[in-house]
């Protein structure tokens, strides 16, 4: 069992830093998960969104039914701005950019996703270079998903030619083995708090 760090707490939500390798909610094959751990100490916790098991970072848990409804509405209406930090293979040339390749489930290889220009669902990612490491031939990058498709950031970076280090699904073997974990972290959540109407920013730096 991994310890959960509470990053932010008020009367309506708790935000934790989910470790890489821990499910957000219960899974069939892996019983350990962040929600069950949190609910032991905070029994009113609800699930409103989740991160991939391999991804670390911020996850919000509403603390009442009304909070679940209001924060669920923020996610549904795309009024929750999420930014991620990643380390990718190679040197990304452009300082900023956007990727709008549509995605669909790769059914024979699920849960993997793939680009499908005809049947895929709209997917939109913005990126900004934070640091270029010429010595390591890697780039530290900030990713902002405008849409929230499964594995969106991982597939979009692969399609850009810069897969995320440690990505067991979408990176070649050498890039998978460059890190013992996926170097993708949910760093910031920004929103207008639906109870106080105050602009709120929750931030948690990655450990890579």
Foldseek 3Di string as FASTA:
>chain_A
DDDWAFQDDDPWKTKTWFDAQAWCQADDVDGGHDVVVVCVVQVQWDAQDTDPNQETEIGMTTRHPVSSVVVNVCVVVLQKWWKKKFKWAAFDDDQKDKDWFFKDDPVVDPPDIAGDNPPGDTWMKIKGWDDQDPVRRMTIMMIITSDDDVCRVQHRCVVVVIGTALDPPRDPPVSVVVDVGGGMYTAKIWHQRPVPSHTDMGGDDDPD
